[in-house]
């Protein structure tokens, strides 16, 4: 099982601060991104721009997710 934390606009689009997922096979972050799009279609416009962090470290689309990982979904943020 992995825990997914949603921040900023991703939290609003997912209508949740966090979710848990169980996979029947290992997934890459890229594959997981497609799963998120299917699970929460409202995230689709954000996904090309989000960064993913696994266990506190930014990762690329090829990174493999392991059981017990914590995945943060971090959209771009602006401030003033």
PDB file of N, CA and C in Angstrom:
ATOM      1  N   UNK A   1       0.842  -1.163   0.000  1.00  0.00           N
ATOM      2  CA  UNK A   1       0.000   0.000   0.000  1.00  0.00           C
ATOM      3  C   UNK A   1       0.893   1.232   0.000  1.00  0.00           C
ATOM      4  N   UNK A   2       0.496   2.264  -0.762  1.00  0.00           N
ATOM      5  CA  UNK A   2       1.191   3.544  -0.759  1.00  0.00           C
ATOM      6  C   UNK A   2       0.213   4.629  -0.319  1.00  0.00           C
ATOM      7  N   UNK A   3       0.749   5.638   0.313  1.00  0.00           N
ATOM      8  CA  UNK A   3      -0.039   6.791   0.728  1.00  0.00           C
ATOM      9  C   UNK A   3       0.288   7.932  -0.216  1.00  0.00           C
ATOM     10  N   UNK A   4      -0.757   8.586  -0.725  1.00  0.00           N
ATOM     11  CA  UNK A   4      -0.587   9.706  -1.638  1.00  0.00           C
ATOM     12  C   UNK A   4      -1.106  10.958  -0.946  1.00  0.00           C
ATOM     13  N   UNK A   5      -0.273  11.984  -0.918  1.00  0.00           N
ATOM     14  CA  UNK A   5      -0.629  13.263  -0.328  1.00  0.00           C
ATOM     15  C   UNK A   5      -0.809  14.281  -1.448  1.00  0.00           C
ATOM     16  N   UNK A   6      -1.930  14.977  -1.442  1.00  0.00           N
ATOM     17  CA  UNK A   6      -2.221  15.986  -2.458  1.00  0.00           C
ATOM     18  C   UNK A   6      -2.055  17.373  -1.840  1.00  0.00           C
ATOM     19  N   UNK A   7      -1.408  18.276  -2.573  1.00  0.00           N
ATOM     20  CA  UNK A   7      -1.169  19.629  -2.083  1.00  0.00           C
ATOM     21  C   UNK A   7      -1.739  20.664  -3.041  1.00  0.00           C
ATOM     22  N   UNK A   8      -2.087  21.824  -2.488  1.00  0.00           N
ATOM     23  CA  UNK A   8      -2.550  23.000  -3.240  1.00  0.00           C
ATOM     24  C   UNK A   8      -3.679  22.629  -4.207  1.00  0.00           C
ATOM     25  N   UNK A   9      -3.543  22.996  -5.477  1.00  0.00           N
ATOM     26  CA  UNK A   9      -4.592  22.745  -6.459  1.00  0.00           C
ATOM     27  C   UNK A   9      -4.881  21.274  -6.672  1.00  0.00           C
ATOM     28  N   UNK A  10      -3.896  20.411  -6.470  1.00  0.00           N
ATOM     29  CA  UNK A  10      -4.121  18.965  -6.609  1.00  0.00           C
ATOM     30  C   UNK A  10      -5.055  18.470  -5.509  1.00  0.00           C
ATOM     31  N   UNK A  11      -4.927  19.046  -4.330  1.00  0.00           N
ATOM     32  CA  UNK A  11      -5.808  18.692  -3.214  1.00  0.00           C
ATOM     33  C   UNK A  11      -7.249  19.069  -3.548  1.00  0.00           C
ATOM     34  N   UNK A  12      -7.422  20.255  -4.111  1.00  0.00           N
ATOM     35  CA  UNK A  12      -8.764  20.700  -4.509  1.00  0.00           C
ATOM     36  C   UNK A  12      -9.330  19.813  -5.614  1.00  0.00           C
ATOM     37  N   UNK A  13      -8.522  19.515  -6.628  1.00  0.00           N
ATOM     38  CA  UNK A  13      -8.984  18.712  -7.762  1.00  0.00           C
ATOM     39  C   UNK A  13      -9.307  17.277  -7.357  1.00  0.00           C
ATOM     40  N   UNK A  14      -8.525  16.722  -6.439  1.00  0.00           N
ATOM     41  CA  UNK A  14      -8.749  15.340  -5.998  1.00  0.00           C
ATOM     42  C   UNK A  14      -9.849  15.247  -4.937  1.00  0.00           C
ATOM     43  N   UNK A  15     -10.258  16.400  -4.411  1.00  0.00           N
ATOM     44  CA  UNK A  15     -11.258  16.438  -3.335  1.00  0.00           C
ATOM     45  C   UNK A  15     -10.807  15.613  -2.133  1.00  0.00           C
ATOM     46  N   UNK A  16      -9.501  15.631  -1.889  1.00  0.00           N
ATOM     47  CA  UNK A  16      -8.954  14.872  -0.762  1.00  0.00           C
ATOM     48  C   UNK A  16      -7.552  15.379  -0.458  1.00  0.00           C
ATOM     49  N   UNK A  17      -7.168  15.302   0.808  1.00  0.00           N
ATOM     50  CA  UNK A  17      -5.803  15.640   1.199  1.00  0.00           C
ATOM     51  C   UNK A  17      -4.874  14.444   1.022  1.00  0.00           C
ATOM     52  N   UNK A  18      -5.452  13.240   1.130  1.00  0.00           N
ATOM     53  CA  UNK A  18      -4.649  12.031   0.963  1.00  0.00           C
ATOM     54  C   UNK A  18      -5.535  10.860   0.561  1.00  0.00           C
ATOM     55  N   UNK A  19      -4.902   9.863   0.008  1.00  0.00           N
ATOM     56  CA  UNK A  19      -5.558   8.602  -0.353  1.00  0.00           C
ATOM     57  C   UNK A  19      -4.526   7.494  -0.222  1.00  0.00           C
ATOM     58  N   UNK A  20      -5.016   6.282  -0.123  1.00  0.00           N
ATOM     59  CA  UNK A  20      -4.114   5.129  -0.158  1.00  0.00           C
ATOM     60  C   UNK A  20      -4.459   4.278  -1.374  1.00  0.00           C
ATOM     61  N   UNK A  21      -3.444   3.654  -1.924  1.00  0.00           N
ATOM     62  CA  UNK A  21      -3.605   2.787  -3.095  1.00  0.00           C
ATOM     63  C   UNK A  21      -2.845   1.493  -2.854  1.00  0.00           C
ATOM     64  N   UNK A  22      -3.393   0.410  -3.382  1.00  0.00           N
ATOM     65  CA  UNK A  22      -2.694  -0.876  -3.409  1.00  0.00           C
ATOM     66  C   UNK A  22      -2.560  -1.288  -4.863  1.00  0.00           C
ATOM     67  N   UNK A  23      -1.393  -1.804  -5.212  1.00  0.00           N
ATOM     68  CA  UNK A  23      -1.125  -2.205  -6.586  1.00  0.00           C
ATOM     69  C   UNK A  23      -0.894  -3.712  -6.651  1.00  0.00           C
ATOM     70  N   UNK A  24      -1.313  -4.301  -7.764  1.00  0.00           N
ATOM     71  CA  UNK A  24      -1.086  -5.733  -7.959  1.00  0.00           C
ATOM     72  C   UNK A  24       0.258  -5.998  -8.626  1.00  0.00           C
ATOM     73  N   UNK A  25       0.892  -4.925  -9.127  1.00  0.00           N
ATOM     74  CA  UNK A  25       2.213  -5.044  -9.749  1.00  0.00           C
ATOM     75  C   UNK A  25       2.970  -3.741  -9.519  1.00  0.00           C
ATOM     76  N   UNK A  26       4.285  -3.763  -9.605  1.00  0.00           N
ATOM     77  CA  UNK A  26       5.051  -2.521  -9.430  1.00  0.00           C
ATOM     78  C   UNK A  26       4.708  -1.510 -10.529  1.00  0.00           C
ATOM     79  N   UNK A  27       4.630  -0.247 -10.145  1.00  0.00           N
ATOM     80  CA  UNK A  27       4.339   0.826 -11.092  1.00  0.00           C
ATOM     81  C   UNK A  27       5.435   1.876 -11.043  1.00  0.00           C
ATOM     82  N   UNK A  28       5.625   2.542 -12.175  1.00  0.00           N
ATOM     83  CA  UNK A  28       6.490   3.718 -12.203  1.00  0.00           C
ATOM     84  C   UNK A  28       5.629   4.935 -11.868  1.00  0.00           C
ATOM     85  N   UNK A  29       6.263   6.036 -11.565  1.00  0.00           N
ATOM     86  CA  UNK A  29       5.527   7.273 -11.316  1.00  0.00           C
ATOM     87  C   UNK A  29       4.724   7.662 -12.560  1.00  0.00           C
ATOM     88  N   UNK A  30       5.274   7.461 -13.741  1.00  0.00           N
ATOM     89  CA  UNK A  30       4.546   7.755 -14.973  1.00  0.00           C
ATOM     90  C   UNK A  30       3.271   6.937 -15.083  1.00  0.00           C
ATOM     91  N   UNK A  31       3.362   5.654 -14.781  1.00  0.00           N
ATOM     92  CA  UNK A  31       2.171   4.799 -14.817  1.00  0.00           C
ATOM     93  C   UNK A  31       1.180   5.213 -13.734  1.00  0.00           C
ATOM     94  N   UNK A  32       1.701   5.577 -12.572  1.00  0.00           N
ATOM     95  CA  UNK A  32       0.847   6.014 -11.482  1.00  0.00           C
ATOM     96  C   UNK A  32       0.109   7.303 -11.846  1.00  0.00           C
ATOM     97  N   UNK A  33       0.772   8.186 -12.566  1.00  0.00           N
ATOM     98  CA  UNK A  33       0.142   9.424 -13.012  1.00  0.00           C
ATOM     99  C   UNK A  33      -1.089   9.126 -13.869  1.00  0.00           C
ATOM    100  N   UNK A  34      -0.984   8.139 -14.747  1.00  0.00           N
ATOM    101  CA  UNK A  34      -2.139   7.737 -15.572  1.00  0.00           C
ATOM    102  C   UNK A  34      -3.251   7.158 -14.701  1.00  0.00           C
ATOM    103  N   UNK A  35      -2.884   6.417 -13.677  1.00  0.00           N
ATOM    104  CA  UNK A  35      -3.873   5.878 -12.746  1.00  0.00           C
ATOM    105  C   UNK A  35      -4.608   7.022 -12.028  1.00  0.00           C
ATOM    106  N   UNK A  36      -3.862   8.039 -11.607  1.00  0.00           N
ATOM    107  CA  UNK A  36      -4.488   9.186 -10.954  1.00  0.00           C
ATOM    108  C   UNK A  36      -5.469   9.882 -11.887  1.00  0.00           C
ATOM    109  N   UNK A  37      -5.088  10.008 -13.136  1.00  0.00           N
ATOM    110  CA  UNK A  37      -5.959  10.650 -14.133  1.00  0.00           C
ATOM    111  C   UNK A  37      -7.272   9.889 -14.280  1.00  0.00           C
ATOM    112  N   UNK A  38      -7.206   8.571 -14.274  1.00  0.00           N
ATOM    113  CA  UNK A  38      -8.418   7.748 -14.375  1.00  0.00           C
ATOM    114  C   UNK A  38      -9.231   7.821 -13.091  1.00  0.00           C
ATOM    115  N   UNK A  39      -8.546   7.839 -11.945  1.00  0.00           N
ATOM    116  CA  UNK A  39      -9.214   7.844 -10.653  1.00  0.00           C
ATOM    117  C   UNK A  39      -9.858   9.200 -10.345  1.00  0.00           C
ATOM    118  N   UNK A  40      -9.202  10.267 -10.746  1.00  0.00           N
ATOM    119  CA  UNK A  40      -9.690  11.632 -10.502  1.00  0.00           C
ATOM    120  C   UNK A  40      -9.520  12.457 -11.768  1.00  0.00           C
ATOM    121  N   UNK A  41     -10.476  12.389 -12.682  1.00  0.00           N
ATOM    122  CA  UNK A  41     -10.351  13.116 -13.955  1.00  0.00           C
ATOM    123  C   UNK A  41     -10.112  14.618 -13.782  1.00  0.00           C
ATOM    124  N   UNK A  42     -10.509  15.181 -12.646  1.00  0.00           N
ATOM    125  CA  UNK A  42     -10.294  16.607 -12.406  1.00  0.00           C
ATOM    126  C   UNK A  42      -8.808  16.951 -12.304  1.00  0.00           C
ATOM    127  N   UNK A  43      -7.976  15.952 -12.039  1.00  0.00           N
ATOM    128  CA  UNK A  43      -6.529  16.174 -11.957  1.00  0.00           C
ATOM    129  C   UNK A  43      -5.875  16.284 -13.330  1.00  0.00           C
ATOM    130  N   UNK A  44      -6.552  15.832 -14.374  1.00  0.00           N
ATOM    131  CA  UNK A  44      -5.951  15.757 -15.712  1.00  0.00           C
ATOM    132  C   UNK A  44      -5.258  17.051 -16.146  1.00  0.00           C
ATOM    133  N   UNK A  45      -5.883  18.228 -15.993  1.00  0.00           N
ATOM    134  CA  UNK A  45      -5.193  19.438 -16.456  1.00  0.00           C
ATOM    135  C   UNK A  45      -3.921  19.763 -15.664  1.00  0.00           C
ATOM    136  N   UNK A  46      -3.824  19.289 -14.434  1.00  0.00           N
ATOM    137  CA  UNK A  46      -2.650  19.579 -13.606  1.00  0.00           C
ATOM    138  C   UNK A  46      -1.495  18.609 -13.809  1.00  0.00           C
ATOM    139  N   UNK A  47      -1.817  17.374 -14.143  1.00  0.00           N
ATOM    140  CA  UNK A  47      -0.788  16.316 -14.146  1.00  0.00           C
ATOM    141  C   UNK A  47       0.427  16.599 -15.025  1.00  0.00           C
ATOM    142  N   UNK A  48       0.281  17.254 -16.183  1.00  0.00           N
ATOM    143  CA  UNK A  48       1.508  17.538 -16.945  1.00  0.00           C
ATOM    144  C   UNK A  48       2.470  18.487 -16.235  1.00  0.00           C
ATOM    145  N   UNK A  49       1.984  19.181 -15.208  1.00  0.00           N
ATOM    146  CA  UNK A  49       2.789  20.200 -14.547  1.00  0.00           C
ATOM    147  C   UNK A  49       3.215  19.849 -13.125  1.00  0.00           C
ATOM    148  N   UNK A  50       2.668  18.778 -12.555  1.00  0.00           N
ATOM    149  CA  UNK A  50       2.985  18.446 -11.169  1.00  0.00           C
ATOM    150  C   UNK A  50       4.374  17.831 -11.046  1.00  0.00           C
ATOM    151  N   UNK A  51       4.921  17.930  -9.853  1.00  0.00           N
ATOM    152  CA  UNK A  51       6.137  17.210  -9.493  1.00  0.00           C
ATOM    153  C   UNK A  51       5.725  16.160  -8.488  1.00  0.00           C
ATOM    154  N   UNK A  52       6.380  15.041  -8.549  1.00  0.00           N
ATOM    155  CA  UNK A  52       6.125  13.969  -7.595  1.00  0.00           C
ATOM    156  C   UNK A  52       7.347  13.819  -6.698  1.00  0.00           C
ATOM    157  N   UNK A  53       7.078  13.665  -5.418  1.00  0.00           N
ATOM    158  CA  UNK A  53       8.136  13.370  -4.465  1.00  0.00           C
ATOM    159  C   UNK A  53       7.787  12.044  -3.798  1.00  0.00           C
ATOM    160  N   UNK A  54       8.755  11.166  -3.700  1.00  0.00           N
ATOM    161  CA  UNK A  54       8.562   9.880  -3.032  1.00  0.00           C
ATOM    162  C   UNK A  54       9.436   9.879  -1.788  1.00  0.00           C
ATOM    163  N   UNK A  55       8.780   9.716  -0.652  1.00  0.00           N
ATOM    164  CA  UNK A  55       9.474   9.713   0.641  1.00  0.00           C
ATOM    165  C   UNK A  55      10.352  10.955   0.814  1.00  0.00           C
ATOM    166  N   UNK A  56       9.814  12.108   0.345  1.00  0.00           N
ATOM    167  CA  UNK A  56      10.494  13.384   0.540  1.00  0.00           C
ATOM    168  C   UNK A  56      11.519  13.762  -0.494  1.00  0.00           C
ATOM    169  N   UNK A  57      11.689  12.946  -1.539  1.00  0.00           N
ATOM    170  CA  UNK A  57      12.679  13.227  -2.577  1.00  0.00           C
ATOM    171  C   UNK A  57      11.988  13.325  -3.932  1.00  0.00           C
ATOM    172  N   UNK A  58      12.254  14.421  -4.675  1.00  0.00           N
ATOM    173  CA  UNK A  58      11.678  14.557  -6.006  1.00  0.00           C
ATOM    174  C   UNK A  58      12.198  13.441  -6.910  1.00  0.00           C
ATOM    175  N   UNK A  59      11.285  12.883  -7.727  1.00  0.00           N
ATOM    176  CA  UNK A  59      11.640  11.770  -8.609  1.00  0.00           C
ATOM    177  C   UNK A  59      11.124  12.046 -10.016  1.00  0.00           C
ATOM    178  N   UNK A  60      11.657  11.297 -10.984  1.00  0.00           N
ATOM    179  CA  UNK A  60      11.188  11.437 -12.358  1.00  0.00           C
ATOM    180  C   UNK A  60      10.157  10.353 -12.676  1.00  0.00           C
ATOM    181  N   UNK A  61       9.631  10.396 -13.896  1.00  0.00           N
ATOM    182  CA  UNK A  61       8.542   9.498 -14.297  1.00  0.00           C
ATOM    183  C   UNK A  61       8.944   8.030 -14.280  1.00  0.00           C
ATOM    184  N   UNK A  62      10.211   7.725 -14.393  1.00  0.00           N
ATOM    185  CA  UNK A  62      10.659   6.337 -14.415  1.00  0.00           C
ATOM    186  C   UNK A  62      10.858   5.710 -13.045  1.00  0.00           C
ATOM    187  N   UNK A  63      10.787   6.507 -12.001  1.00  0.00           N
ATOM    188  CA  UNK A  63      11.010   5.995 -10.641  1.00  0.00           C
ATOM    189  C   UNK A  63       9.971   4.931 -10.309  1.00  0.00           C
ATOM    190  N   UNK A  64      10.405   3.812  -9.755  1.00  0.00           N
ATOM    191  CA  UNK A  64       9.514   2.719  -9.362  1.00  0.00           C
ATOM    192  C   UNK A  64       8.991   2.932  -7.952  1.00  0.00           C
ATOM    193  N   UNK A  65       7.700   2.753  -7.793  1.00  0.00           N
ATOM    194  CA  UNK A  65       7.039   2.894  -6.502  1.00  0.00           C
ATOM    195  C   UNK A  65       7.142   1.566  -5.760  1.00  0.00           C
ATOM    196  N   UNK A  66       7.482   1.645  -4.485  1.00  0.00           N
ATOM    197  CA  UNK A  66       7.586   0.450  -3.648  1.00  0.00           C
ATOM    198  C   UNK A  66       6.485   0.465  -2.591  1.00  0.00           C
ATOM    199  N   UNK A  67       6.111  -0.707  -2.140  1.00  0.00           N
ATOM    200  CA  UNK A  67       5.115  -0.824  -1.080  1.00  0.00           C
ATOM    201  C   UNK A  67       5.587  -0.038   0.138  1.00  0.00           C
ATOM    202  N   UNK A  68       4.694   0.753   0.711  1.00  0.00           N
ATOM    203  CA  UNK A  68       5.029   1.551   1.876  1.00  0.00           C
ATOM    204  C   UNK A  68       5.488   2.963   1.563  1.00  0.00           C
ATOM    205  N   UNK A  69       5.665   3.293   0.284  1.00  0.00           N
ATOM    206  CA  UNK A  69       6.100   4.638  -0.088  1.00  0.00           C
ATOM    207  C   UNK A  69       5.023   5.675   0.215  1.00  0.00           C
ATOM    208  N   UNK A  70       5.485   6.898   0.430  1.00  0.00           N
ATOM    209  CA  UNK A  70       4.597   8.051   0.544  1.00  0.00           C
ATOM    210  C   UNK A  70       4.873   8.939  -0.669  1.00  0.00           C
ATOM    211  N   UNK A  71       3.839   9.209  -1.446  1.00  0.00           N
ATOM    212  CA  UNK A  71       3.969   9.982  -2.677  1.00  0.00           C
ATOM    213  C   UNK A  71       3.282  11.316  -2.492  1.00  0.00           C
ATOM    214  N   UNK A  72       4.014  12.399  -2.721  1.00  0.00           N
ATOM    215  CA  UNK A  72       3.441  13.740  -2.665  1.00  0.00           C
ATOM    216  C   UNK A  72       3.194  14.226  -4.084  1.00  0.00           C
ATOM    217  N   UNK A  73       2.004  14.762  -4.330  1.00  0.00           N
ATOM    218  CA  UNK A  73       1.626  15.319  -5.627  1.00  0.00           C
ATOM    219  C   UNK A  73       1.656  16.847  -5.460  1.00  0.00           C
ATOM    220  N   UNK A  74       2.637  17.485  -6.100  1.00  0.00           N
ATOM    221  CA  UNK A  74       2.902  18.902  -5.888  1.00  0.00           C
ATOM    222  C   UNK A  74       2.741  19.700  -7.172  1.00  0.00           C
ATOM    223  N   UNK A  75       1.628  20.415  -7.315  1.00  0.00           N
ATOM    224  CA  UNK A  75       1.448  21.240  -8.512  1.00  0.00           C
ATOM    225  C   UNK A  75       2.283  22.521  -8.397  1.00  0.00           C
ATOM    226  N   UNK A  76       2.457  23.222  -9.506  1.00  0.00           N
ATOM    227  CA  UNK A  76       3.163  24.514  -9.429  1.00  0.00           C
ATOM    228  C   UNK A  76       2.379  25.459  -8.513  1.00  0.00           C
ATOM    229  N   UNK A  77       3.107  26.265  -7.797  1.00  0.00           N
ATOM    230  CA  UNK A  77       2.484  27.210  -6.873  1.00  0.00           C
ATOM    231  C   UNK A  77       3.028  28.599  -7.194  1.00  0.00           C
ATOM    232  N   UNK A  78       2.164  29.572  -7.152  1.00  0.00           N
ATOM    233  CA  UNK A  78       2.636  30.943  -7.328  1.00  0.00           C
ATOM    234  C   UNK A  78       2.220  31.749  -6.111  1.00  0.00           C
ATOM    235  N   UNK A  79       2.905  32.801  -5.901  1.00  0.00           N
ATOM    236  CA  UNK A  79       2.582  33.644  -4.749  1.00  0.00           C
ATOM    237  C   UNK A  79       2.910  35.090  -5.075  1.00  0.00           C
ATOM    238  N   UNK A  80       2.594  35.915  -4.164  1.00  0.00           N
ATOM    239  CA  UNK A  80       2.855  37.317  -4.409  1.00  0.00           C
ATOM    240  C   UNK A  80       3.206  38.055  -3.166  1.00  0.00           C
TER     241      UNK A  80
END
